[in-house]
């Protein structure tokens, strides 16, 4: 009888904890969105542009950085006066520094990305850094999390699977990319892999990527919005069934992962001869 009661108490405690966590995850930040500023990089197309539209509709003050004049023009014409476009190439440090200096003049509160240049602003506002990384980025992000947590800044990661965006179209021709690398190796190594290797592997990767890609890009934007507005946001947002499958798969022993991955790859011609 006593064992049954103890089990019931434990079950009830776990249930109450789960309910509390569920309620806490639904709570939003206690600040008006129109008093907050969000900086988004890569707003010409894809997730960046969709997020800029969504936050603009929610009432945020948005600074949307674009690489092209065309991308900036489209955003300016289709959003409210609360969204401001800025030309920025994130690979150019001087442009990032210049943008930081401009942002100091408008007293930004909520920033994302270009972390170190904007860290002083994030410290003052106790803001959030929200980065998108690949599933392979799990090892690098925690160091940043620990570095800035004591400064009142939290770091959140979006880990999407394969989604149908402009980036997917640009990277669709795997054969060209593989051929470019293939041509840089010596002839003996090319012969070992087989001269048809780039075409075979490129076709396989292209078919896989298009079959696995999802058109539900709004799921990634939903994750971004939750990371910005939730009072208790998640540290990681795994988005998409393929991303979840990959996450679970990577928890398996390495010998199993290596065996499975090798079964689905394109074998070099030399392996068959061996």
C-alpha atoms as a PDB file:
ATOM      1  CA  UNK A   1       0.000   0.000   0.000  1.00  0.00           C
ATOM      2  CA  UNK A   2       2.807   2.354   0.947  1.00  0.00           C
ATOM      3  CA  UNK A   3       4.665   1.623  -2.293  1.00  0.00           C
ATOM      4  CA  UNK A   4       1.535   2.447  -4.289  1.00  0.00           C
ATOM      5  CA  UNK A   5       1.145   5.773  -2.450  1.00  0.00           C
ATOM      6  CA  UNK A   6       4.796   6.694  -3.011  1.00  0.00           C
ATOM      7  CA  UNK A   7       4.487   5.861  -6.711  1.00  0.00           C
ATOM      8  CA  UNK A   8       1.336   7.972  -6.953  1.00  0.00           C
ATOM      9  CA  UNK A   9       3.063  10.924  -5.278  1.00  0.00           C
ATOM     10  CA  UNK A  10       6.018  10.702  -7.669  1.00  0.00           C
ATOM     11  CA  UNK A  11       3.688  10.464 -10.670  1.00  0.00           C
ATOM     12  CA  UNK A  12       1.680  13.472  -9.448  1.00  0.00           C
ATOM     13  CA  UNK A  13       4.858  15.500  -8.870  1.00  0.00           C
ATOM     14  CA  UNK A  14       6.142  14.728 -12.368  1.00  0.00           C
ATOM     15  CA  UNK A  15       2.749  15.589 -13.866  1.00  0.00           C
ATOM     16  CA  UNK A  16       2.630  18.923 -12.024  1.00  0.00           C
ATOM     17  CA  UNK A  17       6.187  19.686 -13.149  1.00  0.00           C
ATOM     18  CA  UNK A  18       5.283  18.988 -16.790  1.00  0.00           C
ATOM     19  CA  UNK A  19       2.195  21.206 -16.507  1.00  0.00           C
ATOM     20  CA  UNK A  20       4.292  24.000 -14.966  1.00  0.00           C
ATOM     21  CA  UNK A  21       6.864  23.735 -17.767  1.00  0.00           C
ATOM     22  CA  UNK A  22       4.095  23.773 -20.397  1.00  0.00           C
ATOM     23  CA  UNK A  23       2.533  26.913 -18.884  1.00  0.00           C
ATOM     24  CA  UNK A  24       5.915  28.629 -18.515  1.00  0.00           C
ATOM     25  CA  UNK A  25       6.726  27.955 -22.191  1.00  0.00           C
ATOM     26  CA  UNK A  26       3.512  29.736 -23.208  1.00  0.00           C
ATOM     27  CA  UNK A  27       4.373  32.949 -21.343  1.00  0.00           C
ATOM     28  CA  UNK A  28       5.601  35.884 -23.439  1.00  0.00           C
ATOM     29  CA  UNK A  29       8.042  38.660 -22.582  1.00  0.00           C
ATOM     30  CA  UNK A  30       6.537  41.500 -20.562  1.00  0.00           C
ATOM     31  CA  UNK A  31       7.640  44.236 -22.953  1.00  0.00           C
ATOM     32  CA  UNK A  32       5.724  45.929 -25.739  1.00  0.00           C
ATOM     33  CA  UNK A  33       7.016  44.720 -29.096  1.00  0.00           C
ATOM     34  CA  UNK A  34       7.019  48.252 -30.511  1.00  0.00           C
ATOM     35  CA  UNK A  35       9.624  49.198 -27.896  1.00  0.00           C
ATOM     36  CA  UNK A  36      12.011  46.487 -29.054  1.00  0.00           C
ATOM     37  CA  UNK A  37      14.482  46.417 -31.923  1.00  0.00           C
ATOM     38  CA  UNK A  38      15.580  43.328 -33.815  1.00  0.00           C
ATOM     39  CA  UNK A  39      18.470  43.133 -36.265  1.00  0.00           C
ATOM     40  CA  UNK A  40      18.143  40.411 -38.912  1.00  0.00           C
ATOM     41  CA  UNK A  41      20.858  39.479 -41.392  1.00  0.00           C
ATOM     42  CA  UNK A  42      20.249  37.970 -44.814  1.00  0.00           C
ATOM     43  CA  UNK A  43      16.824  39.449 -45.569  1.00  0.00           C
ATOM     44  CA  UNK A  44      17.036  39.333 -49.365  1.00  0.00           C
ATOM     45  CA  UNK A  45      15.336  35.931 -49.518  1.00  0.00           C
ATOM     46  CA  UNK A  46      14.473  32.843 -47.510  1.00  0.00           C
ATOM     47  CA  UNK A  47      14.085  32.678 -43.747  1.00  0.00           C
ATOM     48  CA  UNK A  48      15.534  36.153 -43.190  1.00  0.00           C
ATOM     49  CA  UNK A  49      12.926  37.865 -45.342  1.00  0.00           C
ATOM     50  CA  UNK A  50      10.046  35.785 -43.944  1.00  0.00           C
ATOM     51  CA  UNK A  51      11.141  36.611 -40.400  1.00  0.00           C
ATOM     52  CA  UNK A  52      11.389  40.325 -41.256  1.00  0.00           C
ATOM     53  CA  UNK A  53       7.799  40.282 -42.567  1.00  0.00           C
ATOM     54  CA  UNK A  54       6.519  38.394 -39.519  1.00  0.00           C
ATOM     55  CA  UNK A  55       8.204  40.663 -36.947  1.00  0.00           C
ATOM     56  CA  UNK A  56       7.091  43.773 -38.815  1.00  0.00           C
ATOM     57  CA  UNK A  57       3.467  42.573 -38.608  1.00  0.00           C
ATOM     58  CA  UNK A  58       3.885  41.881 -34.882  1.00  0.00           C
ATOM     59  CA  UNK A  59       4.985  45.482 -34.340  1.00  0.00           C
ATOM     60  CA  UNK A  60       8.718  45.091 -33.754  1.00  0.00           C
ATOM     61  CA  UNK A  61      11.175  47.712 -34.943  1.00  0.00           C
ATOM     62  CA  UNK A  62      13.164  45.744 -37.498  1.00  0.00           C
ATOM     63  CA  UNK A  63      16.545  46.511 -39.013  1.00  0.00           C
ATOM     64  CA  UNK A  64      16.765  44.168 -42.015  1.00  0.00           C
ATOM     65  CA  UNK A  65      20.179  43.822 -43.615  1.00  0.00           C
ATOM     66  CA  UNK A  66      20.319  42.926 -47.300  1.00  0.00           C
ATOM     67  CA  UNK A  67      23.112  42.054 -49.696  1.00  0.00           C
ATOM     68  CA  UNK A  68      21.379  43.406 -52.821  1.00  0.00           C
ATOM     69  CA  UNK A  69      19.563  46.617 -53.694  1.00  0.00           C
ATOM     70  CA  UNK A  70      16.717  44.586 -55.190  1.00  0.00           C
ATOM     71  CA  UNK A  71      16.150  42.705 -51.947  1.00  0.00           C
ATOM     72  CA  UNK A  72      16.159  45.912 -49.906  1.00  0.00           C
ATOM     73  CA  UNK A  73      13.749  47.619 -52.310  1.00  0.00           C
ATOM     74  CA  UNK A  74      11.191  44.798 -52.130  1.00  0.00           C
ATOM     75  CA  UNK A  75      11.236  44.846 -48.330  1.00  0.00           C
ATOM     76  CA  UNK A  76      10.911  48.627 -48.139  1.00  0.00           C
ATOM     77  CA  UNK A  77       7.916  48.620 -50.482  1.00  0.00           C
ATOM     78  CA  UNK A  78       6.019  45.818 -48.716  1.00  0.00           C
ATOM     79  CA  UNK A  79       6.513  46.597 -45.020  1.00  0.00           C
ATOM     80  CA  UNK A  80       5.648  49.325 -42.530  1.00  0.00           C
ATOM     81  CA  UNK A  81       7.705  52.317 -41.491  1.00  0.00           C
ATOM     82  CA  UNK A  82       8.959  50.300 -38.512  1.00  0.00           C
ATOM     83  CA  UNK A  83      11.197  48.239 -40.801  1.00  0.00           C
ATOM     84  CA  UNK A  84      14.436  49.779 -42.004  1.00  0.00           C
ATOM     85  CA  UNK A  85      16.688  48.146 -44.594  1.00  0.00           C
ATOM     86  CA  UNK A  86      20.479  48.386 -44.470  1.00  0.00           C
ATOM     87  CA  UNK A  87      22.950  47.156 -47.081  1.00  0.00           C
ATOM     88  CA  UNK A  88      25.367  44.743 -45.440  1.00  0.00           C
ATOM     89  CA  UNK A  89      27.796  42.028 -46.468  1.00  0.00           C
ATOM     90  CA  UNK A  90      28.408  40.058 -43.263  1.00  0.00           C
ATOM     91  CA  UNK A  91      31.781  38.891 -44.602  1.00  0.00           C
ATOM     92  CA  UNK A  92      33.058  42.499 -44.523  1.00  0.00           C
ATOM     93  CA  UNK A  93      34.115  43.508 -41.003  1.00  0.00           C
ATOM     94  CA  UNK A  94      34.197  47.240 -41.779  1.00  0.00           C
ATOM     95  CA  UNK A  95      30.523  47.166 -42.815  1.00  0.00           C
ATOM     96  CA  UNK A  96      29.565  45.427 -39.564  1.00  0.00           C
ATOM     97  CA  UNK A  97      31.454  48.020 -37.505  1.00  0.00           C
ATOM     98  CA  UNK A  98      29.813  50.895 -39.419  1.00  0.00           C
ATOM     99  CA  UNK A  99      26.368  49.386 -38.875  1.00  0.00           C
ATOM    100  CA  UNK A 100      27.111  49.025 -35.153  1.00  0.00           C
ATOM    101  CA  UNK A 101      28.004  52.705 -34.907  1.00  0.00           C
ATOM    102  CA  UNK A 102      24.758  53.695 -36.641  1.00  0.00           C
ATOM    103  CA  UNK A 103      22.721  51.471 -34.339  1.00  0.00           C
ATOM    104  CA  UNK A 104      24.177  53.160 -31.253  1.00  0.00           C
ATOM    105  CA  UNK A 105      22.414  56.333 -32.331  1.00  0.00           C
ATOM    106  CA  UNK A 106      18.939  54.743 -32.287  1.00  0.00           C
ATOM    107  CA  UNK A 107      19.240  52.942 -28.915  1.00  0.00           C
ATOM    108  CA  UNK A 108      18.584  49.356 -30.002  1.00  0.00           C
ATOM    109  CA  UNK A 109      17.198  46.921 -27.453  1.00  0.00           C
ATOM    110  CA  UNK A 110      16.877  43.481 -29.002  1.00  0.00           C
ATOM    111  CA  UNK A 111      19.606  42.300 -31.385  1.00  0.00           C
ATOM    112  CA  UNK A 112      20.462  39.101 -33.157  1.00  0.00           C
ATOM    113  CA  UNK A 113      23.706  37.994 -34.744  1.00  0.00           C
ATOM    114  CA  UNK A 114      26.986  39.822 -35.391  1.00  0.00           C
ATOM    115  CA  UNK A 115      27.434  38.955 -31.760  1.00  0.00           C
ATOM    116  CA  UNK A 116      30.606  40.553 -30.569  1.00  0.00           C
ATOM    117  CA  UNK A 117      30.107  43.928 -32.230  1.00  0.00           C
ATOM    118  CA  UNK A 118      26.630  44.208 -30.718  1.00  0.00           C
ATOM    119  CA  UNK A 119      27.349  42.604 -27.346  1.00  0.00           C
ATOM    120  CA  UNK A 120      27.508  45.969 -25.464  1.00  0.00           C
ATOM    121  CA  UNK A 121      23.983  46.788 -26.663  1.00  0.00           C
ATOM    122  CA  UNK A 122      22.787  43.320 -25.737  1.00  0.00           C
ATOM    123  CA  UNK A 123      24.301  43.642 -22.267  1.00  0.00           C
ATOM    124  CA  UNK A 124      22.487  46.909 -21.617  1.00  0.00           C
ATOM    125  CA  UNK A 125      19.143  45.517 -22.760  1.00  0.00           C
ATOM    126  CA  UNK A 126      19.650  41.934 -21.479  1.00  0.00           C
ATOM    127  CA  UNK A 127      18.854  40.887 -25.036  1.00  0.00           C
ATOM    128  CA  UNK A 128      19.068  37.625 -26.931  1.00  0.00           C
ATOM    129  CA  UNK A 129      21.322  36.211 -29.627  1.00  0.00           C
ATOM    130  CA  UNK A 130      19.505  33.846 -31.988  1.00  0.00           C
ATOM    131  CA  UNK A 131      21.662  32.020 -34.506  1.00  0.00           C
ATOM    132  CA  UNK A 132      20.798  29.529 -37.204  1.00  0.00           C
ATOM    133  CA  UNK A 133      23.265  26.658 -37.446  1.00  0.00           C
ATOM    134  CA  UNK A 134      23.470  23.324 -39.167  1.00  0.00           C
ATOM    135  CA  UNK A 135      23.098  20.118 -37.208  1.00  0.00           C
ATOM    136  CA  UNK A 136      26.910  19.947 -37.214  1.00  0.00           C
ATOM    137  CA  UNK A 137      27.107  23.187 -35.237  1.00  0.00           C
ATOM    138  CA  UNK A 138      26.249  21.617 -31.886  1.00  0.00           C
ATOM    139  CA  UNK A 139      29.850  21.623 -30.714  1.00  0.00           C
ATOM    140  CA  UNK A 140      30.648  25.321 -31.305  1.00  0.00           C
ATOM    141  CA  UNK A 141      27.649  27.136 -29.834  1.00  0.00           C
ATOM    142  CA  UNK A 142      27.857  26.184 -26.116  1.00  0.00           C
ATOM    143  CA  UNK A 143      31.118  28.133 -25.635  1.00  0.00           C
ATOM    144  CA  UNK A 144      29.382  31.352 -26.697  1.00  0.00           C
ATOM    145  CA  UNK A 145      26.443  30.533 -24.425  1.00  0.00           C
ATOM    146  CA  UNK A 146      28.685  30.249 -21.395  1.00  0.00           C
ATOM    147  CA  UNK A 147      30.692  33.326 -22.346  1.00  0.00           C
ATOM    148  CA  UNK A 148      27.767  35.765 -22.443  1.00  0.00           C
ATOM    149  CA  UNK A 149      25.353  34.221 -19.911  1.00  0.00           C
ATOM    150  CA  UNK A 150      27.046  35.987 -17.006  1.00  0.00           C
ATOM    151  CA  UNK A 151      26.599  39.258 -18.931  1.00  0.00           C
ATOM    152  CA  UNK A 152      22.819  38.915 -18.974  1.00  0.00           C
ATOM    153  CA  UNK A 153      22.672  37.837 -22.628  1.00  0.00           C
ATOM    154  CA  UNK A 154      21.130  34.514 -23.636  1.00  0.00           C
ATOM    155  CA  UNK A 155      22.012  32.516 -26.758  1.00  0.00           C
ATOM    156  CA  UNK A 156      19.458  30.460 -28.681  1.00  0.00           C
ATOM    157  CA  UNK A 157      20.015  28.207 -31.672  1.00  0.00           C
ATOM    158  CA  UNK A 158      17.714  27.362 -34.577  1.00  0.00           C
ATOM    159  CA  UNK A 159      18.586  24.008 -36.140  1.00  0.00           C
ATOM    160  CA  UNK A 160      16.418  23.533 -39.231  1.00  0.00           C
ATOM    161  CA  UNK A 161      16.278  20.507 -41.453  1.00  0.00           C
ATOM    162  CA  UNK A 162      16.144  20.826 -45.239  1.00  0.00           C
ATOM    163  CA  UNK A 163      13.655  23.458 -46.381  1.00  0.00           C
ATOM    164  CA  UNK A 164      12.765  24.631 -49.866  1.00  0.00           C
ATOM    165  CA  UNK A 165      14.347  28.089 -50.039  1.00  0.00           C
ATOM    166  CA  UNK A 166      16.402  30.068 -52.556  1.00  0.00           C
ATOM    167  CA  UNK A 167      19.516  28.699 -50.864  1.00  0.00           C
ATOM    168  CA  UNK A 168      18.389  25.178 -51.731  1.00  0.00           C
ATOM    169  CA  UNK A 169      18.035  26.151 -55.385  1.00  0.00           C
ATOM    170  CA  UNK A 170      21.486  27.772 -55.491  1.00  0.00           C
ATOM    171  CA  UNK A 171      23.143  24.711 -53.990  1.00  0.00           C
ATOM    172  CA  UNK A 172      21.106  22.178 -55.983  1.00  0.00           C
ATOM    173  CA  UNK A 173      23.786  21.452 -58.583  1.00  0.00           C
ATOM    174  CA  UNK A 174      25.939  19.220 -56.431  1.00  0.00           C
ATOM    175  CA  UNK A 175      27.620  17.732 -59.492  1.00  0.00           C
ATOM    176  CA  UNK A 176      29.321  21.037 -60.347  1.00  0.00           C
ATOM    177  CA  UNK A 177      30.515  21.465 -56.769  1.00  0.00           C
ATOM    178  CA  UNK A 178      31.869  17.910 -56.569  1.00  0.00           C
ATOM    179  CA  UNK A 179      33.441  18.163 -60.039  1.00  0.00           C
ATOM    180  CA  UNK A 180      35.238  21.347 -59.040  1.00  0.00           C
ATOM    181  CA  UNK A 181      36.903  19.560 -56.124  1.00  0.00           C
ATOM    182  CA  UNK A 182      37.434  16.398 -58.156  1.00  0.00           C
ATOM    183  CA  UNK A 183      39.430  18.269 -60.809  1.00  0.00           C
ATOM    184  CA  UNK A 184      41.867  19.542 -58.180  1.00  0.00           C
ATOM    185  CA  UNK A 185      43.121  16.092 -57.169  1.00  0.00           C
ATOM    186  CA  UNK A 186      45.730  14.079 -59.039  1.00  0.00           C
ATOM    187  CA  UNK A 187      44.810  11.697 -61.872  1.00  0.00           C
ATOM    188  CA  UNK A 188      45.617   8.594 -59.853  1.00  0.00           C
ATOM    189  CA  UNK A 189      43.093   9.547 -57.197  1.00  0.00           C
ATOM    190  CA  UNK A 190      40.522  10.445 -59.850  1.00  0.00           C
ATOM    191  CA  UNK A 191      40.984   7.019 -61.389  1.00  0.00           C
ATOM    192  CA  UNK A 192      40.479   5.361 -57.991  1.00  0.00           C
ATOM    193  CA  UNK A 193      37.190   7.182 -57.404  1.00  0.00           C
ATOM    194  CA  UNK A 194      36.133   6.745 -61.003  1.00  0.00           C
ATOM    195  CA  UNK A 195      35.625   9.498 -63.529  1.00  0.00           C
ATOM    196  CA  UNK A 196      31.821   9.137 -63.196  1.00  0.00           C
ATOM    197  CA  UNK A 197      31.970   9.734 -59.434  1.00  0.00           C
ATOM    198  CA  UNK A 198      30.981  13.457 -59.525  1.00  0.00           C
ATOM    199  CA  UNK A 199      27.938  12.762 -61.713  1.00  0.00           C
ATOM    200  CA  UNK A 200      26.802   9.744 -59.670  1.00  0.00           C
ATOM    201  CA  UNK A 201      27.265  11.357 -56.257  1.00  0.00           C
ATOM    202  CA  UNK A 202      25.833  14.696 -57.431  1.00  0.00           C
ATOM    203  CA  UNK A 203      22.685  13.009 -58.716  1.00  0.00           C
ATOM    204  CA  UNK A 204      22.277  11.040 -55.484  1.00  0.00           C
ATOM    205  CA  UNK A 205      22.617  14.129 -53.275  1.00  0.00           C
ATOM    206  CA  UNK A 206      20.305  16.216 -55.456  1.00  0.00           C
ATOM    207  CA  UNK A 207      17.564  13.577 -55.407  1.00  0.00           C
ATOM    208  CA  UNK A 208      17.909  13.130 -51.642  1.00  0.00           C
ATOM    209  CA  UNK A 209      17.821  16.859 -50.922  1.00  0.00           C
ATOM    210  CA  UNK A 210      14.735  17.525 -53.021  1.00  0.00           C
ATOM    211  CA  UNK A 211      12.896  14.538 -51.610  1.00  0.00           C
ATOM    212  CA  UNK A 212      13.744  15.534 -48.059  1.00  0.00           C
ATOM    213  CA  UNK A 213      13.081  19.278 -48.425  1.00  0.00           C
ATOM    214  CA  UNK A 214       9.968  20.794 -46.878  1.00  0.00           C
ATOM    215  CA  UNK A 215       7.983  23.777 -48.165  1.00  0.00           C
ATOM    216  CA  UNK A 216       6.815  24.645 -44.617  1.00  0.00           C
ATOM    217  CA  UNK A 217       9.346  27.432 -44.109  1.00  0.00           C
ATOM    218  CA  UNK A 218       6.953  29.108 -41.674  1.00  0.00           C
ATOM    219  CA  UNK A 219       8.001  26.492 -39.088  1.00  0.00           C
ATOM    220  CA  UNK A 220      11.486  28.007 -38.961  1.00  0.00           C
ATOM    221  CA  UNK A 221      10.034  31.522 -38.665  1.00  0.00           C
ATOM    222  CA  UNK A 222       7.765  30.296 -35.846  1.00  0.00           C
ATOM    223  CA  UNK A 223      10.863  29.083 -34.003  1.00  0.00           C
ATOM    224  CA  UNK A 224      12.570  32.463 -34.450  1.00  0.00           C
ATOM    225  CA  UNK A 225       9.513  34.332 -33.166  1.00  0.00           C
ATOM    226  CA  UNK A 226       9.222  32.076 -30.121  1.00  0.00           C
ATOM    227  CA  UNK A 227      12.925  32.539 -29.344  1.00  0.00           C
ATOM    228  CA  UNK A 228      12.366  36.313 -29.433  1.00  0.00           C
ATOM    229  CA  UNK A 229       9.053  36.583 -27.611  1.00  0.00           C
ATOM    230  CA  UNK A 230       8.887  33.681 -25.133  1.00  0.00           C
ATOM    231  CA  UNK A 231       9.629  34.572 -21.525  1.00  0.00           C
ATOM    232  CA  UNK A 232      11.434  31.255 -21.165  1.00  0.00           C
ATOM    233  CA  UNK A 233      12.706  30.398 -24.678  1.00  0.00           C
ATOM    234  CA  UNK A 234      14.362  27.112 -25.516  1.00  0.00           C
ATOM    235  CA  UNK A 235      18.115  26.947 -25.891  1.00  0.00           C
ATOM    236  CA  UNK A 236      17.732  24.907 -29.087  1.00  0.00           C
ATOM    237  CA  UNK A 237      14.923  24.752 -31.608  1.00  0.00           C
ATOM    238  CA  UNK A 238      15.110  21.643 -33.790  1.00  0.00           C
ATOM    239  CA  UNK A 239      12.800  22.310 -36.749  1.00  0.00           C
ATOM    240  CA  UNK A 240      11.551  19.679 -39.171  1.00  0.00           C
ATOM    241  CA  UNK A 241      11.078  15.916 -39.033  1.00  0.00           C
ATOM    242  CA  UNK A 242      14.395  15.324 -40.786  1.00  0.00           C
ATOM    243  CA  UNK A 243      16.200  17.496 -38.234  1.00  0.00           C
ATOM    244  CA  UNK A 244      14.620  15.532 -35.372  1.00  0.00           C
ATOM    245  CA  UNK A 245      15.513  12.267 -37.072  1.00  0.00           C
ATOM    246  CA  UNK A 246      19.098  13.463 -37.453  1.00  0.00           C
ATOM    247  CA  UNK A 247      19.226  14.529 -33.800  1.00  0.00           C
ATOM    248  CA  UNK A 248      18.057  11.119 -32.614  1.00  0.00           C
ATOM    249  CA  UNK A 249      20.310   9.350 -35.108  1.00  0.00           C
ATOM    250  CA  UNK A 250      23.391  11.186 -33.824  1.00  0.00           C
ATOM    251  CA  UNK A 251      22.738   9.828 -30.328  1.00  0.00           C
ATOM    252  CA  UNK A 252      23.447   6.288 -31.541  1.00  0.00           C
ATOM    253  CA  UNK A 253      26.902   4.727 -31.035  1.00  0.00           C
ATOM    254  CA  UNK A 254      29.396   6.003 -33.584  1.00  0.00           C
ATOM    255  CA  UNK A 255      30.016   2.569 -35.118  1.00  0.00           C
ATOM    256  CA  UNK A 256      26.314   2.302 -35.963  1.00  0.00           C
ATOM    257  CA  UNK A 257      26.267   5.819 -37.463  1.00  0.00           C
ATOM    258  CA  UNK A 258      29.368   5.104 -39.560  1.00  0.00           C
ATOM    259  CA  UNK A 259      27.936   1.799 -40.793  1.00  0.00           C
ATOM    260  CA  UNK A 260      24.592   3.279 -41.808  1.00  0.00           C
ATOM    261  CA  UNK A 261      26.075   6.364 -43.501  1.00  0.00           C
ATOM    262  CA  UNK A 262      28.585   4.301 -45.452  1.00  0.00           C
ATOM    263  CA  UNK A 263      25.804   2.085 -46.797  1.00  0.00           C
ATOM    264  CA  UNK A 264      24.084   5.043 -48.447  1.00  0.00           C
ATOM    265  CA  UNK A 265      27.157   6.712 -49.921  1.00  0.00           C
ATOM    266  CA  UNK A 266      28.606   6.346 -53.407  1.00  0.00           C
ATOM    267  CA  UNK A 267      31.526   3.920 -53.309  1.00  0.00           C
ATOM    268  CA  UNK A 268      34.709   4.823 -55.201  1.00  0.00           C
ATOM    269  CA  UNK A 269      35.333   2.582 -58.185  1.00  0.00           C
ATOM    270  CA  UNK A 270      38.545   1.397 -56.570  1.00  0.00           C
ATOM    271  CA  UNK A 271      36.648  -0.113 -53.635  1.00  0.00           C
ATOM    272  CA  UNK A 272      34.805  -2.474 -55.955  1.00  0.00           C
ATOM    273  CA  UNK A 273      38.091  -3.577 -57.510  1.00  0.00           C
ATOM    274  CA  UNK A 274      39.591  -4.201 -54.050  1.00  0.00           C
END
